[in-house]
C-alpha atoms as a PDB file:
ATOM      1  CA  MET A   1       4.421 -28.780   0.717  1.00  0.00           C
ATOM      2  CA  ILE A   2       4.497 -26.094  -1.945  1.00  0.00           C
ATOM      3  CA  ASP A   3       1.642 -24.476  -1.149  1.00  0.00           C
ATOM      4  CA  ASP A   4       2.498 -24.208   2.455  1.00  0.00           C
ATOM      5  CA  PHE A   5       5.568 -22.785   1.066  1.00  0.00           C
ATOM      6  CA  ALA A   6       4.052 -20.226  -1.506  1.00  0.00           C
ATOM      7  CA  LYS A   7       1.386 -19.181   1.434  1.00  0.00           C
ATOM      8  CA  GLU A   8       4.505 -18.442   3.731  1.00  0.00           C
ATOM      9  CA  TYR A   9       6.372 -16.616   0.863  1.00  0.00           C
ATOM     10  CA  LEU A  10       3.446 -14.245  -0.047  1.00  0.00           C
ATOM     11  CA  HIS A  11       2.798 -13.923   3.210  1.00  0.00           C
ATOM     12  CA  SER A  12       6.337 -12.673   4.760  1.00  0.00           C
ATOM     13  CA  ASP A  13       6.601 -10.528   1.347  1.00  0.00           C
ATOM     14  CA  LEU A  14       3.254  -8.833   2.286  1.00  0.00           C
ATOM     15  CA  ARG A  15       4.075  -8.368   5.842  1.00  0.00           C
ATOM     16  CA  GLU A  16       7.174  -6.700   5.266  1.00  0.00           C
ATOM     17  CA  ILE A  17       5.700  -4.124   2.492  1.00  0.00           C
ATOM     18  CA  ARG A  18       3.071  -3.314   5.074  1.00  0.00           C
ATOM     19  CA  GLU A  19       5.680  -2.453   7.460  1.00  0.00           C
ATOM     20  CA  GLU A  20       7.328  -0.231   5.077  1.00  0.00           C
ATOM     21  CA  MET A  21       4.262   1.689   4.039  1.00  0.00           C
ATOM     22  CA  VAL A  22       4.166   2.662   7.678  1.00  0.00           C
ATOM     23  CA  ARG A  23       7.588   3.861   7.907  1.00  0.00           C
ATOM     24  CA  LYS A  24       7.107   6.063   5.201  1.00  0.00           C
ATOM     25  CA  LEU A  25       5.223   8.330   7.577  1.00  0.00           C
ATOM     26  CA  ASP A  26       8.154   8.296  10.021  1.00  0.00           C
ATOM     27  CA  GLY A  27       9.241  12.096  10.901  1.00  0.00           C
ATOM     28  CA  LEU A  28       6.367  13.646   8.842  1.00  0.00           C
ATOM     29  CA  SER A  29       4.310  16.491  10.188  1.00  0.00           C
ATOM     30  CA  GLU A  30       0.617  15.608  10.334  1.00  0.00           C
ATOM     31  CA  TYR A  31       0.320  18.372   7.407  1.00  0.00           C
ATOM     32  CA  ASP A  32       2.938  16.510   5.097  1.00  0.00           C
ATOM     33  CA  ILE A  33       1.437  12.988   5.637  1.00  0.00           C
ATOM     34  CA  ARG A  34      -1.842  14.666   4.468  1.00  0.00           C
ATOM     35  CA  ARG A  35      -1.124  17.077   2.070  1.00  0.00           C
ATOM     36  CA  PRO A  36      -2.163  16.389  -1.659  1.00  0.00           C
ATOM     37  CA  LEU A  37       1.134  15.816  -3.844  1.00  0.00           C
ATOM     38  CA  THR A  38      -0.034  14.716  -7.111  1.00  0.00           C
ATOM     39  CA  SER A  39      -2.901  16.470  -9.276  1.00  0.00           C
ATOM     40  CA  THR A  40      -5.380  13.466  -7.821  1.00  0.00           C
ATOM     41  CA  GLY A  41      -4.307  14.409  -4.469  1.00  0.00           C
ATOM     42  CA  THR A  42      -2.118  11.246  -3.542  1.00  0.00           C
ATOM     43  CA  ASN A  43      -0.513  11.593  -0.041  1.00  0.00           C
ATOM     44  CA  LEU A  44       1.040   9.218   2.177  1.00  0.00           C
ATOM     45  CA  LEU A  45      -1.625   8.854   4.823  1.00  0.00           C
ATOM     46  CA  GLY A  46      -4.612   8.121   2.412  1.00  0.00           C
ATOM     47  CA  LEU A  47      -2.707   5.508   0.896  1.00  0.00           C
ATOM     48  CA  ILE A  48      -2.469   3.918   4.512  1.00  0.00           C
ATOM     49  CA  LYS A  49      -6.417   4.476   4.668  1.00  0.00           C
ATOM     50  CA  HIS A  50      -6.823   3.177   1.362  1.00  0.00           C
ATOM     51  CA  LEU A  51      -4.891  -0.377   1.950  1.00  0.00           C
ATOM     52  CA  ALA A  52      -6.609  -0.895   5.238  1.00  0.00           C
ATOM     53  CA  VAL A  53     -10.043  -0.781   3.223  1.00  0.00           C
ATOM     54  CA  SER A  54      -8.544  -2.992   0.483  1.00  0.00           C
ATOM     55  CA  GLU A  55      -7.326  -5.386   2.896  1.00  0.00           C
ATOM     56  CA  ALA A  56     -10.641  -5.395   4.855  1.00  0.00           C
ATOM     57  CA  TRP A  57     -12.634  -6.196   1.730  1.00  0.00           C
ATOM     58  CA  TYR A  58     -10.499  -8.885   0.545  1.00  0.00           C
ATOM     59  CA  PHE A  59      -9.522 -10.840   3.411  1.00  0.00           C
ATOM     60  CA  GLY A  60     -12.521 -10.412   4.838  1.00  0.00           C
ATOM     61  CA  GLU A  61     -15.818 -10.001   2.835  1.00  0.00           C
ATOM     62  CA  VAL A  62     -14.135 -12.488   0.029  1.00  0.00           C
ATOM     63  CA  PHE A  63     -13.904 -15.323   2.392  1.00  0.00           C
ATOM     64  CA  ASP A  64     -16.575 -14.685   4.475  1.00  0.00           C
ATOM     65  CA  ARG A  65     -14.842 -13.219   7.544  1.00  0.00           C
ATOM     66  CA  PRO A  66     -15.913  -9.724   7.680  1.00  0.00           C
ATOM     67  CA  PHE A  67     -13.939  -7.213   9.576  1.00  0.00           C
ATOM     68  CA  PRO A  68     -15.224  -6.474  12.653  1.00  0.00           C
ATOM     69  CA  GLU A  69     -15.476  -2.600  12.189  1.00  0.00           C
ATOM     70  CA  PRO A  70     -17.465  -0.658   9.519  1.00  0.00           C
ATOM     71  CA  VAL A  71     -15.610  -0.390   6.609  1.00  0.00           C
ATOM     72  CA  LEU A  72     -16.654   1.187   3.300  1.00  0.00           C
ATOM     73  CA  ARG A  73     -18.469  -0.414   0.980  1.00  0.00           C
ATOM     74  CA  TRP A  74     -17.212  -1.511  -2.264  1.00  0.00           C
ATOM     75  CA  ASP A  75     -20.432  -1.000  -4.036  1.00  0.00           C
ATOM     76  CA  ASP A  76     -21.248   2.281  -2.553  1.00  0.00           C
ATOM     77  CA  LEU A  77     -20.310   4.925  -5.288  1.00  0.00           C
ATOM     78  CA  GLU A  78     -20.928   7.860  -3.284  1.00  0.00           C
ATOM     79  CA  GLN A  79     -18.408   7.215  -1.100  1.00  0.00           C
ATOM     80  CA  ARG A  80     -15.917   5.726  -3.962  1.00  0.00           C
ATOM     81  CA  GLY A  81     -12.531   7.323  -3.602  1.00  0.00           C
ATOM     82  CA  THR A  82     -12.963   8.731   0.465  1.00  0.00           C
ATOM     83  CA  ASP A  83     -10.703   5.929   1.413  1.00  0.00           C
ATOM     84  CA  MET A  84      -8.010   7.860  -0.132  1.00  0.00           C
ATOM     85  CA  TRP A  85      -7.597  10.821   1.829  1.00  0.00           C
ATOM     86  CA  ALA A  86      -7.658  11.446   6.059  1.00  0.00           C
ATOM     87  CA  THR A  87     -10.538  13.832   7.082  1.00  0.00           C
ATOM     88  CA  GLU A  88      -9.169  16.203   9.431  1.00  0.00           C
ATOM     89  CA  ASP A  89     -11.084  14.348  12.287  1.00  0.00           C
ATOM     90  CA  GLU A  90      -9.202  11.099  11.281  1.00  0.00           C
ATOM     91  CA  SER A  91      -5.871  11.154  13.171  1.00  0.00           C
ATOM     92  CA  ARG A  92      -2.449   9.814  12.291  1.00  0.00           C
ATOM     93  CA  GLU A  93      -3.022   7.209  15.253  1.00  0.00           C
ATOM     94  CA  ASP A  94      -6.659   6.207  14.306  1.00  0.00           C
ATOM     95  CA  ILE A  95      -5.711   5.450  10.650  1.00  0.00           C
ATOM     96  CA  ILE A  96      -2.587   3.375  11.284  1.00  0.00           C
ATOM     97  CA  GLY A  97      -4.163   1.757  14.090  1.00  0.00           C
ATOM     98  CA  ARG A  98      -7.063   0.482  11.973  1.00  0.00           C
ATOM     99  CA  TYR A  99      -4.363  -0.533   9.378  1.00  0.00           C
ATOM    100  CA  GLN A 100      -2.947  -2.547  11.942  1.00  0.00           C
ATOM    101  CA  ARG A 101      -5.864  -3.978  12.987  1.00  0.00           C
ATOM    102  CA  VAL A 102      -7.109  -5.135   9.617  1.00  0.00           C
ATOM    103  CA  CYS A 103      -3.576  -6.399   8.725  1.00  0.00           C
ATOM    104  CA  ALA A 104      -3.897  -8.994  11.904  1.00  0.00           C
ATOM    105  CA  HIS A 105      -7.240  -9.790  10.652  1.00  0.00           C
ATOM    106  CA  SER A 106      -5.884 -10.285   7.434  1.00  0.00           C
ATOM    107  CA  ASP A 107      -3.159 -12.756   8.911  1.00  0.00           C
ATOM    108  CA  ALA A 108      -5.725 -14.442  10.650  1.00  0.00           C
ATOM    109  CA  THR A 109      -7.395 -15.173   7.565  1.00  0.00           C
ATOM    110  CA  ILE A 110      -4.322 -16.156   5.903  1.00  0.00           C
ATOM    111  CA  ALA A 111      -3.564 -18.792   8.672  1.00  0.00           C
ATOM    112  CA  ALA A 112      -6.772 -20.257   8.579  1.00  0.00           C
ATOM    113  CA  LEU A 113      -7.256 -20.762   5.214  1.00  0.00           C
ATOM    114  CA  ALA A 114      -5.398 -23.294   2.904  1.00  0.00           C
ATOM    115  CA  ILE A 115      -3.875 -21.364  -0.157  1.00  0.00           C
ATOM    116  CA  ASP A 116      -6.474 -22.745  -2.477  1.00  0.00           C
ATOM    117  CA  ALA A 117      -9.543 -21.651  -0.150  1.00  0.00           C
ATOM    118  CA  PRO A 118     -12.052 -20.689  -2.323  1.00  0.00           C
ATOM    119  CA  GLY A 119     -13.425 -17.004  -2.120  1.00  0.00           C
ATOM    120  CA  HIS A 120     -15.905 -14.738  -4.102  1.00  0.00           C
ATOM    121  CA  VAL A 121     -14.691 -11.111  -5.505  1.00  0.00           C
ATOM    122  CA  PRO A 122     -18.210  -9.684  -6.886  1.00  0.00           C
ATOM    123  CA  TRP A 123     -16.425  -6.789  -8.256  1.00  0.00           C
ATOM    124  CA  TRP A 124     -14.414  -8.925 -10.393  1.00  0.00           C
ATOM    125  CA  PRO A 125     -15.237  -9.851 -13.713  1.00  0.00           C
ATOM    126  CA  ARG A 126     -14.015 -13.808 -12.904  1.00  0.00           C
ATOM    127  CA  PRO A 127     -15.447 -13.601  -9.433  1.00  0.00           C
ATOM    128  CA  ASP A 128     -14.632 -17.024  -7.935  1.00  0.00           C
ATOM    129  CA  VAL A 129     -11.047 -16.992  -6.813  1.00  0.00           C
ATOM    130  CA  LYS A 130      -8.477 -18.613  -4.411  1.00  0.00           C
ATOM    131  CA  LEU A 131      -6.668 -17.764  -1.371  1.00  0.00           C
ATOM    132  CA  PHE A 132      -3.599 -17.533  -3.854  1.00  0.00           C
ATOM    133  CA  ASN A 133      -5.333 -15.153  -6.134  1.00  0.00           C
ATOM    134  CA  VAL A 134      -5.981 -12.621  -3.393  1.00  0.00           C
ATOM    135  CA  MET A 135      -2.582 -12.724  -1.575  1.00  0.00           C
ATOM    136  CA  VAL A 136      -0.977 -12.248  -5.333  1.00  0.00           C
ATOM    137  CA  HIS A 137      -3.748  -9.217  -5.509  1.00  0.00           C
ATOM    138  CA  ILE A 138      -2.959  -7.325  -2.479  1.00  0.00           C
ATOM    139  CA  LEU A 139       0.791  -7.832  -2.154  1.00  0.00           C
ATOM    140  CA  THR A 140       0.629  -6.658  -6.082  1.00  0.00           C
ATOM    141  CA  GLU A 141      -1.432  -3.406  -4.700  1.00  0.00           C
ATOM    142  CA  THR A 142       0.203  -2.867  -1.562  1.00  0.00           C
ATOM    143  CA  ASN A 143       3.603  -2.708  -3.795  1.00  0.00           C
ATOM    144  CA  ARG A 144       2.520  -0.458  -6.165  1.00  0.00           C
ATOM    145  CA  HIS A 145       0.941   2.062  -3.339  1.00  0.00           C
ATOM    146  CA  ALA A 146       4.705   1.670  -1.720  1.00  0.00           C
ATOM    147  CA  GLY A 147       6.257   2.912  -4.970  1.00  0.00           C
ATOM    148  CA  HIS A 148       3.807   5.745  -4.788  1.00  0.00           C
ATOM    149  CA  ALA A 149       4.979   6.199  -1.009  1.00  0.00           C
ATOM    150  CA  ASP A 150       8.681   6.212  -2.086  1.00  0.00           C
ATOM    151  CA  ILE A 151       8.010   9.010  -4.875  1.00  0.00           C
ATOM    152  CA  LEU A 152       6.008  11.283  -2.523  1.00  0.00           C
ATOM    153  CA  ARG A 153       8.377  10.813   0.198  1.00  0.00           C
ATOM    154  CA  GLU A 154      11.113  11.746  -1.845  1.00  0.00           C
ATOM    155  CA  HIS A 155       9.114  14.903  -2.900  1.00  0.00           C
ATOM    156  CA  LEU A 156       8.466  15.351   0.727  1.00  0.00           C
ATOM    157  CA  ASP A 157      12.320  15.910   2.030  1.00  0.00           C
ATOM    158  CA  GLY A 158      14.522  13.622  -0.283  1.00  0.00           C
ATOM    159  CA  ALA A 159      13.903  10.517   1.833  1.00  0.00           C
ATOM    160  CA  ILE A 160      14.608   7.538  -0.602  1.00  0.00           C
ATOM    161  CA  ALA A 161      13.740   3.679  -0.256  1.00  0.00           C
ATOM    162  CA  THR A 162      15.435   1.938   2.727  1.00  0.00           C
ATOM    163  CA  ASN A 163      17.434  -0.562   0.219  1.00  0.00           C
ATOM    164  CA  THR A 164      19.855   2.167  -0.766  1.00  0.00           C
ATOM    165  CA  ARG A 165      23.792   1.709  -0.041  1.00  0.00           C
ATOM    166  CA  PRO A 166      25.484   3.839   2.398  1.00  0.00           C
ATOM    167  CA  GLU A 167      27.345   5.844  -0.392  1.00  0.00           C
ATOM    168  CA  GLN A 168      24.196   6.533  -1.827  1.00  0.00           C
ATOM    169  CA  ASP A 169      23.763   9.816  -0.143  1.00  0.00           C
ATOM    170  CA  ALA A 170      22.354  13.296  -1.173  1.00  0.00           C
ATOM    171  CA  THR A 171      25.742  14.012  -2.987  1.00  0.00           C
ATOM    172  CA  TYR A 172      25.220  10.830  -4.939  1.00  0.00           C
ATOM    173  CA  TRP A 173      21.945  11.787  -5.746  1.00  0.00           C
ATOM    174  CA  ALA A 174      22.771  15.120  -6.824  1.00  0.00           C
ATOM    175  CA  ALA A 175      25.098  13.907  -9.437  1.00  0.00           C
ATOM    176  CA  ARG A 176      22.478  11.019 -10.896  1.00  0.00           C
ATOM    177  CA  ARG A 177      20.048  13.721 -11.178  1.00  0.00           C
ATOM    178  CA  ALA A 178      22.568  15.965 -13.124  1.00  0.00           C
ATOM    179  CA  GLU A 179      23.857  13.153 -15.135  1.00  0.00           C
ATOM    180  CA  ILE A 180      20.036  12.328 -15.983  1.00  0.00           C
ATOM    181  CA  GLU A 181      18.999  15.949 -16.828  1.00  0.00           C
ATOM    182  CA  ARG A 182      22.031  16.092 -19.158  1.00  0.00           C
ATOM    183  CA  ALA A 183      21.307  12.849 -20.925  1.00  0.00           C
ATOM    184  CA  ALA A 184      17.606  14.511 -21.374  1.00  0.00           C
ATOM    185  CA  GLN A 185      18.747  17.698 -22.829  1.00  0.00           C
ATOM    186  CA  ALA A 186      21.238  16.115 -24.990  1.00  0.00           C
ATOM    187  CA  SER A 187      18.461  13.928 -26.683  1.00  0.00           C
ATOM    188  CA  THR A 188      16.747  17.106 -27.282  1.00  0.00           C
ATOM    189  CA  ALA A 189      19.581  18.925 -29.337  1.00  0.00           C
ATOM    190  CA  PRO A 190      19.603  19.725 -32.773  1.00  0.00           C
END
């Protein structure tokens, strides 16, 4: 009974954060979703592409349920990092559509297997895992990248996470930032 509860709880959270990741692209231009916003090139569309590859590996290869479309190989060192950005030939629709297909494949794997179903992650130091381990890993990874996406989106157009209160408008955030800036400056005063 607790296994079913845990599995559904993790799966529900994963479905929610996936939707949030895709919503981070809403209203932005092609350039803005692709442009490198950090010194390492992190960008919104690249985060979606990366998550698609990760889920395809973890809920596919790990449980001997390969995703039916070609996926970058985890052990292909020449291709490492190419999942973090979109080429000019890859459209927003292509990448989001692939992510959604990967998520549907992952959902089917989660539905088909018990939470203690065994899997094998050859790139982990302790490669023998259970579905539970992989669900926690992917939920953590997706949430980590959702945090990156929140910061990138805020940097692009000031949009903030959807869990803010109505009174937290642009004026509120400008005042909050000014308060934090004053505290930072005061901490360095002689």
